[in-house]
Each structure stands twice: as structure tokens, then as C-alpha cells.
């Protein structure tokens, strides 16, 4: 089945992958897989989903990876509830067997990075009922990425300043702001004096 795919669409191991041109229709062959979501595509999708500009999302993703990597490298696990647990695992030295000869060999102690998906994440992925994505988040829409973070915030109403009225202006009289009321300490001082 793989033989009929064009050479430029074959990935590692002969499995065909979707071309990088996002405008092309998806592959219909069941043995074909789509390409991986790279960091840039992820940043664009998050920008559209959260309605934040792409530069801010890129900085947040950089900060996230730096903090998680730094904390886990010091031996502390990082748990993102509902998503995954990032941890550093130390495996003790042990005895094992060489599968080819059957003789016993000593396996050295080692350290590994482990990412364990949370139950909520696994359930959402396996049931295909993940969160509803915003229009243009995936597949990434270039126009949606440009619009992300560009919505105008509702402006507060401007304060009215004392102005002259038409009839008062003709008379040469201007309106003045009201006088301040005396402060509560001054009023209290007047009342307490006999």
C-alpha cells in the first residue's frame, strides 16, 4: 500500500506523511499518519484558543519548558493536574540477562526523565471528547492567528468635564465645579465644640 505514495511524502520507515502544505486535503490511506505538531504550530494554536498574541504565547511556552526542565532536573516532580506529571526517576543497579546468550550481566544505575499522562488526559484522548477548540485553532488558520489578541477592550466612559452651556456662554457666565464638602474630621471637630 505504501508503494503508491509519492517519494516526497514518505517519512521515516516508509510511512507516508501529510505534506507541509496545510491547504492540501488530508491523506485518505489508513496506513498514512499526519506529521507531528511542532512548537510553532502549537504556539499558533494556543494563541488562537486563548486569544493572546503569538509573541506572548511563544514567551510563555519558552518559560514553561525552562521552568519544568529546571525543576525536574533538581529532582522535584511537576504535576499539571489533568494533563501530565514530569519527574526524574533514578533506577538502581540490578542484575539482568543477556537475551542472546542467557548469561547474567550487571546493569548500572541510571537516571531517566519520565512523563506520565494524567487520567483525565488519557480519557479525553481515548474517547475523542477533548475540549472544544476555537475556530481556527486546529488546523491552524493564518487569519485566526493574526486576529488573536487583537480584540479591542471596551473603553471606560470618559468623565464629563464642567463645560459652558450655549446660553451661559452668550451671557459670559461659565459653570464652575461644585465645592468640596468639608472632611469628616472637620465636621466632627465642629460638633464636639460647645
C-alpha atoms as a PDB file:
ATOM      1  CA  UNK A   1       0.000   0.000   0.000  1.00  0.00           C
ATOM      2  CA  UNK A   2       2.848   2.376   0.740  1.00  0.00           C
ATOM      3  CA  UNK A   3       4.400   1.927  -2.685  1.00  0.00           C
ATOM      4  CA  UNK A   4       1.809   4.087  -4.426  1.00  0.00           C
ATOM      5  CA  UNK A   5       2.682   7.165  -2.342  1.00  0.00           C
ATOM      6  CA  UNK A   6       4.966   9.772  -3.942  1.00  0.00           C
ATOM      7  CA  UNK A   7       8.549   9.631  -2.675  1.00  0.00           C
ATOM      8  CA  UNK A   8       8.460  13.177  -1.192  1.00  0.00           C
ATOM      9  CA  UNK A   9       5.535  12.216   1.078  1.00  0.00           C
ATOM     10  CA  UNK A  10       7.258   9.267   2.701  1.00  0.00           C
ATOM     11  CA  UNK A  11       8.554   9.744   6.208  1.00  0.00           C
ATOM     12  CA  UNK A  12      10.833   7.598   8.336  1.00  0.00           C
ATOM     13  CA  UNK A  13      10.305   3.882   7.817  1.00  0.00           C
ATOM     14  CA  UNK A  14       8.384   4.392   4.578  1.00  0.00           C
ATOM     15  CA  UNK A  15       5.214   5.593   6.315  1.00  0.00           C
ATOM     16  CA  UNK A  16       3.667   8.394   4.308  1.00  0.00           C
ATOM     17  CA  UNK A  17       3.097  11.729   5.993  1.00  0.00           C
ATOM     18  CA  UNK A  18       0.885  14.650   5.138  1.00  0.00           C
ATOM     19  CA  UNK A  19       2.657  17.348   3.124  1.00  0.00           C
ATOM     20  CA  UNK A  20       3.543  20.576   4.947  1.00  0.00           C
ATOM     21  CA  UNK A  21       1.126  22.491   2.696  1.00  0.00           C
ATOM     22  CA  UNK A  22      -1.825  22.975   5.065  1.00  0.00           C
ATOM     23  CA  UNK A  23      -4.174  23.674   2.162  1.00  0.00           C
ATOM     24  CA  UNK A  24      -3.965  20.143   0.766  1.00  0.00           C
ATOM     25  CA  UNK A  25      -6.672  17.607   1.570  1.00  0.00           C
ATOM     26  CA  UNK A  26      -5.907  15.047   4.275  1.00  0.00           C
ATOM     27  CA  UNK A  27      -4.475  11.695   3.264  1.00  0.00           C
ATOM     28  CA  UNK A  28      -7.111   9.005   2.825  1.00  0.00           C
ATOM     29  CA  UNK A  29      -4.860   5.938   3.092  1.00  0.00           C
ATOM     30  CA  UNK A  30      -5.286   4.336   6.529  1.00  0.00           C
ATOM     31  CA  UNK A  31      -1.589   3.473   6.792  1.00  0.00           C
ATOM     32  CA  UNK A  32      -0.632   7.145   6.459  1.00  0.00           C
ATOM     33  CA  UNK A  33      -0.027   9.310   9.507  1.00  0.00           C
ATOM     34  CA  UNK A  34      -0.041  13.073   9.843  1.00  0.00           C
ATOM     35  CA  UNK A  35       3.105  14.971  10.709  1.00  0.00           C
ATOM     36  CA  UNK A  36       3.861  15.900  14.293  1.00  0.00           C
ATOM     37  CA  UNK A  37       2.699  19.212  15.697  1.00  0.00           C
ATOM     38  CA  UNK A  38       5.846  21.266  16.035  1.00  0.00           C
ATOM     39  CA  UNK A  39       6.439  24.058  18.537  1.00  0.00           C
ATOM     40  CA  UNK A  40       5.452  26.821  16.134  1.00  0.00           C
ATOM     41  CA  UNK A  41       2.144  25.149  15.221  1.00  0.00           C
ATOM     42  CA  UNK A  42       1.440  24.568  18.916  1.00  0.00           C
ATOM     43  CA  UNK A  43       2.118  28.223  19.727  1.00  0.00           C
ATOM     44  CA  UNK A  44      -0.219  29.354  16.935  1.00  0.00           C
ATOM     45  CA  UNK A  45      -2.996  27.005  18.090  1.00  0.00           C
ATOM     46  CA  UNK A  46      -2.664  28.159  21.718  1.00  0.00           C
ATOM     47  CA  UNK A  47      -2.693  31.807  20.602  1.00  0.00           C
ATOM     48  CA  UNK A  48      -5.974  31.307  18.750  1.00  0.00           C
ATOM     49  CA  UNK A  49      -7.539  29.174  21.503  1.00  0.00           C
ATOM     50  CA  UNK A  50      -6.679  31.593  24.317  1.00  0.00           C
ATOM     51  CA  UNK A  51      -6.998  34.794  22.224  1.00  0.00           C
ATOM     52  CA  UNK A  52      -3.498  36.005  23.088  1.00  0.00           C
ATOM     53  CA  UNK A  53      -0.935  37.303  20.601  1.00  0.00           C
ATOM     54  CA  UNK A  54       1.606  34.837  19.203  1.00  0.00           C
ATOM     55  CA  UNK A  55       4.674  36.572  20.694  1.00  0.00           C
ATOM     56  CA  UNK A  56       3.265  36.295  24.221  1.00  0.00           C
ATOM     57  CA  UNK A  57       2.354  32.628  23.748  1.00  0.00           C
ATOM     58  CA  UNK A  58       5.874  31.875  22.457  1.00  0.00           C
ATOM     59  CA  UNK A  59       7.405  33.516  25.537  1.00  0.00           C
ATOM     60  CA  UNK A  60       5.060  31.577  27.829  1.00  0.00           C
ATOM     61  CA  UNK A  61       5.918  28.263  26.139  1.00  0.00           C
ATOM     62  CA  UNK A  62       9.634  29.041  26.482  1.00  0.00           C
ATOM     63  CA  UNK A  63       9.144  29.917  30.138  1.00  0.00           C
ATOM     64  CA  UNK A  64       7.074  26.780  30.738  1.00  0.00           C
ATOM     65  CA  UNK A  65       9.694  24.454  29.262  1.00  0.00           C
ATOM     66  CA  UNK A  66      12.532  26.243  31.089  1.00  0.00           C
ATOM     67  CA  UNK A  67      10.792  26.067  34.480  1.00  0.00           C
ATOM     68  CA  UNK A  68       9.651  22.446  34.127  1.00  0.00           C
ATOM     69  CA  UNK A  69      13.090  21.349  32.918  1.00  0.00           C
ATOM     70  CA  UNK A  70      14.872  23.220  35.723  1.00  0.00           C
ATOM     71  CA  UNK A  71      12.601  21.937  38.497  1.00  0.00           C
ATOM     72  CA  UNK A  72      12.632  18.323  37.278  1.00  0.00           C
ATOM     73  CA  UNK A  73      16.425  18.360  36.807  1.00  0.00           C
ATOM     74  CA  UNK A  74      16.740  19.208  40.515  1.00  0.00           C
ATOM     75  CA  UNK A  75      14.724  16.096  41.362  1.00  0.00           C
ATOM     76  CA  UNK A  76      11.337  17.680  42.108  1.00  0.00           C
ATOM     77  CA  UNK A  77       8.336  16.298  40.201  1.00  0.00           C
ATOM     78  CA  UNK A  78       5.999  18.719  38.412  1.00  0.00           C
ATOM     79  CA  UNK A  79       2.316  17.753  38.321  1.00  0.00           C
ATOM     80  CA  UNK A  80      -0.097  19.539  36.000  1.00  0.00           C
ATOM     81  CA  UNK A  81      -3.443  18.295  37.254  1.00  0.00           C
ATOM     82  CA  UNK A  82      -5.486  16.824  34.435  1.00  0.00           C
ATOM     83  CA  UNK A  83      -2.550  16.811  31.999  1.00  0.00           C
ATOM     84  CA  UNK A  84       0.710  15.091  32.991  1.00  0.00           C
ATOM     85  CA  UNK A  85       3.370  14.512  35.617  1.00  0.00           C
ATOM     86  CA  UNK A  86       7.005  15.289  34.817  1.00  0.00           C
ATOM     87  CA  UNK A  87       9.565  13.529  37.031  1.00  0.00           C
ATOM     88  CA  UNK A  88      13.175  12.418  37.265  1.00  0.00           C
ATOM     89  CA  UNK A  89      13.431   8.704  38.058  1.00  0.00           C
ATOM     90  CA  UNK A  90      16.550   7.039  39.432  1.00  0.00           C
ATOM     91  CA  UNK A  91      16.819   3.336  38.708  1.00  0.00           C
ATOM     92  CA  UNK A  92      19.015   1.244  40.999  1.00  0.00           C
ATOM     93  CA  UNK A  93      21.726  -1.092  39.741  1.00  0.00           C
ATOM     94  CA  UNK A  94      20.407  -4.589  39.131  1.00  0.00           C
ATOM     95  CA  UNK A  95      21.200  -7.927  37.619  1.00  0.00           C
ATOM     96  CA  UNK A  96      19.784  -8.838  34.230  1.00  0.00           C
ATOM     97  CA  UNK A  97      20.228 -11.403  31.471  1.00  0.00           C
ATOM     98  CA  UNK A  98      21.762 -11.030  28.044  1.00  0.00           C
ATOM     99  CA  UNK A  99      18.925 -12.139  25.743  1.00  0.00           C
ATOM    100  CA  UNK A 100      21.302 -13.553  23.122  1.00  0.00           C
ATOM    101  CA  UNK A 101      23.454 -15.723  25.408  1.00  0.00           C
ATOM    102  CA  UNK A 102      21.362 -16.027  28.548  1.00  0.00           C
ATOM    103  CA  UNK A 103      24.282 -15.139  30.827  1.00  0.00           C
ATOM    104  CA  UNK A 104      23.750 -12.817  33.786  1.00  0.00           C
ATOM    105  CA  UNK A 105      25.018  -9.252  33.453  1.00  0.00           C
ATOM    106  CA  UNK A 106      25.138  -6.307  35.813  1.00  0.00           C
ATOM    107  CA  UNK A 107      23.044  -3.296  34.720  1.00  0.00           C
ATOM    108  CA  UNK A 108      24.339   0.035  36.009  1.00  0.00           C
ATOM    109  CA  UNK A 109      22.218   2.535  37.942  1.00  0.00           C
ATOM    110  CA  UNK A 110      20.651   5.160  35.686  1.00  0.00           C
ATOM    111  CA  UNK A 111      18.531   8.314  35.721  1.00  0.00           C
ATOM    112  CA  UNK A 112      15.598   8.836  33.394  1.00  0.00           C
ATOM    113  CA  UNK A 113      13.127  11.572  32.612  1.00  0.00           C
ATOM    114  CA  UNK A 114       9.556  10.309  32.865  1.00  0.00           C
ATOM    115  CA  UNK A 115       6.389  11.992  31.640  1.00  0.00           C
ATOM    116  CA  UNK A 116       3.240  10.248  32.814  1.00  0.00           C
ATOM    117  CA  UNK A 117      -0.088  11.326  31.320  1.00  0.00           C
ATOM    118  CA  UNK A 118      -2.851  12.048  33.829  1.00  0.00           C
ATOM    119  CA  UNK A 119      -6.040  10.000  33.828  1.00  0.00           C
ATOM    120  CA  UNK A 120      -8.186  12.913  32.628  1.00  0.00           C
ATOM    121  CA  UNK A 121      -5.843  13.459  29.666  1.00  0.00           C
ATOM    122  CA  UNK A 122      -5.840   9.770  28.737  1.00  0.00           C
ATOM    123  CA  UNK A 123      -9.624   9.548  28.998  1.00  0.00           C
ATOM    124  CA  UNK A 124     -10.105  12.644  26.816  1.00  0.00           C
ATOM    125  CA  UNK A 125      -7.686  11.377  24.165  1.00  0.00           C
ATOM    126  CA  UNK A 126      -9.084   7.853  24.057  1.00  0.00           C
ATOM    127  CA  UNK A 127     -12.725   8.929  23.939  1.00  0.00           C
ATOM    128  CA  UNK A 128     -12.053  11.784  21.471  1.00  0.00           C
ATOM    129  CA  UNK A 129     -14.025  14.157  23.700  1.00  0.00           C
ATOM    130  CA  UNK A 130     -11.283  16.671  24.345  1.00  0.00           C
ATOM    131  CA  UNK A 131     -12.024  20.341  24.947  1.00  0.00           C
ATOM    132  CA  UNK A 132     -13.790  22.235  22.196  1.00  0.00           C
ATOM    133  CA  UNK A 133     -11.249  24.258  20.256  1.00  0.00           C
ATOM    134  CA  UNK A 134     -11.847  27.763  18.991  1.00  0.00           C
ATOM    135  CA  UNK A 135     -12.433  28.209  15.264  1.00  0.00           C
ATOM    136  CA  UNK A 136      -9.058  28.304  13.533  1.00  0.00           C
ATOM    137  CA  UNK A 137      -7.116  26.763  16.457  1.00  0.00           C
ATOM    138  CA  UNK A 138      -6.680  23.390  14.720  1.00  0.00           C
ATOM    139  CA  UNK A 139      -5.994  23.073  11.907  1.00  0.00           C
ATOM    140  CA  UNK A 140      -4.247  26.390  12.295  1.00  0.00           C
ATOM    141  CA  UNK A 141      -5.819  29.244  10.325  1.00  0.00           C
ATOM    142  CA  UNK A 142      -3.370  32.043   9.469  1.00  0.00           C
ATOM    143  CA  UNK A 143      -6.098  34.696   9.659  1.00  0.00           C
ATOM    144  CA  UNK A 144      -7.176  33.471  13.109  1.00  0.00           C
ATOM    145  CA  UNK A 145      -3.556  33.689  14.309  1.00  0.00           C
ATOM    146  CA  UNK A 146      -3.348  37.302  13.099  1.00  0.00           C
ATOM    147  CA  UNK A 147      -6.615  38.165  14.888  1.00  0.00           C
ATOM    148  CA  UNK A 148      -5.550  36.507  18.164  1.00  0.00           C
ATOM    149  CA  UNK A 149      -5.005  39.092  20.872  1.00  0.00           C
ATOM    150  CA  UNK A 150      -6.200  41.927  18.631  1.00  0.00           C
ATOM    151  CA  UNK A 151      -9.697  42.373  20.072  1.00  0.00           C
ATOM    152  CA  UNK A 152     -10.257  45.849  21.431  1.00  0.00           C
ATOM    153  CA  UNK A 153     -11.036  46.151  25.093  1.00  0.00           C
ATOM    154  CA  UNK A 154     -14.201  48.097  25.864  1.00  0.00           C
ATOM    155  CA  UNK A 155     -13.170  51.608  26.782  1.00  0.00           C
ATOM    156  CA  UNK A 156     -14.447  53.131  30.015  1.00  0.00           C
ATOM    157  CA  UNK A 157     -16.754  56.107  29.519  1.00  0.00           C
ATOM    158  CA  UNK A 158     -14.918  59.399  29.612  1.00  0.00           C
ATOM    159  CA  UNK A 159     -15.513  61.682  32.580  1.00  0.00           C
ATOM    160  CA  UNK A 160     -17.555  64.741  31.875  1.00  0.00           C
ATOM    161  CA  UNK A 161     -15.726  67.959  32.476  1.00  0.00           C
ATOM    162  CA  UNK A 162     -17.547  71.118  33.543  1.00  0.00           C
ATOM    163  CA  UNK A 163     -18.304  72.933  30.326  1.00  0.00           C
ATOM    164  CA  UNK A 164     -20.100  76.056  29.358  1.00  0.00           C
ATOM    165  CA  UNK A 165     -23.613  75.842  28.069  1.00  0.00           C
ATOM    166  CA  UNK A 166     -24.709  77.706  24.990  1.00  0.00           C
ATOM    167  CA  UNK A 167     -26.944  80.142  26.850  1.00  0.00           C
ATOM    168  CA  UNK A 168     -24.375  80.687  29.606  1.00  0.00           C
ATOM    169  CA  UNK A 169     -21.663  81.266  27.024  1.00  0.00           C
ATOM    170  CA  UNK A 170     -23.747  84.000  25.417  1.00  0.00           C
ATOM    171  CA  UNK A 171     -24.125  85.672  28.786  1.00  0.00           C
ATOM    172  CA  UNK A 172     -20.415  85.271  29.545  1.00  0.00           C
ATOM    173  CA  UNK A 173     -21.115  83.067  32.579  1.00  0.00           C
ATOM    174  CA  UNK A 174     -19.335  79.761  32.954  1.00  0.00           C
ATOM    175  CA  UNK A 175     -20.345  76.896  35.167  1.00  0.00           C
ATOM    176  CA  UNK A 176     -17.982  76.044  37.979  1.00  0.00           C
ATOM    177  CA  UNK A 177     -17.332  72.672  39.609  1.00  0.00           C
ATOM    178  CA  UNK A 178     -19.119  72.138  42.912  1.00  0.00           C
ATOM    179  CA  UNK A 179     -17.269  72.945  46.131  1.00  0.00           C
ATOM    180  CA  UNK A 180     -15.934  70.058  48.167  1.00  0.00           C
ATOM    181  CA  UNK A 181     -17.809  69.093  51.268  1.00  0.00           C
ATOM    182  CA  UNK A 182     -15.849  69.561  54.489  1.00  0.00           C
ATOM    183  CA  UNK A 183     -13.950  66.451  55.574  1.00  0.00           C
ATOM    184  CA  UNK A 184     -15.419  64.181  58.254  1.00  0.00           C
ATOM    185  CA  UNK A 185     -12.749  65.172  60.782  1.00  0.00           C
ATOM    186  CA  UNK A 186     -13.558  68.850  60.373  1.00  0.00           C
ATOM    187  CA  UNK A 187     -17.297  68.197  60.795  1.00  0.00           C
ATOM    188  CA  UNK A 188     -16.672  66.098  63.867  1.00  0.00           C
ATOM    189  CA  UNK A 189     -14.500  68.813  65.358  1.00  0.00           C
ATOM    190  CA  UNK A 190     -17.244  71.443  64.919  1.00  0.00           C
ATOM    191  CA  UNK A 191     -19.908  69.277  66.530  1.00  0.00           C
ATOM    192  CA  UNK A 192     -17.820  68.399  69.555  1.00  0.00           C
ATOM    193  CA  UNK A 193     -17.122  72.033  70.459  1.00  0.00           C
ATOM    194  CA  UNK A 194     -19.794  73.547  72.828  1.00  0.00           C
END
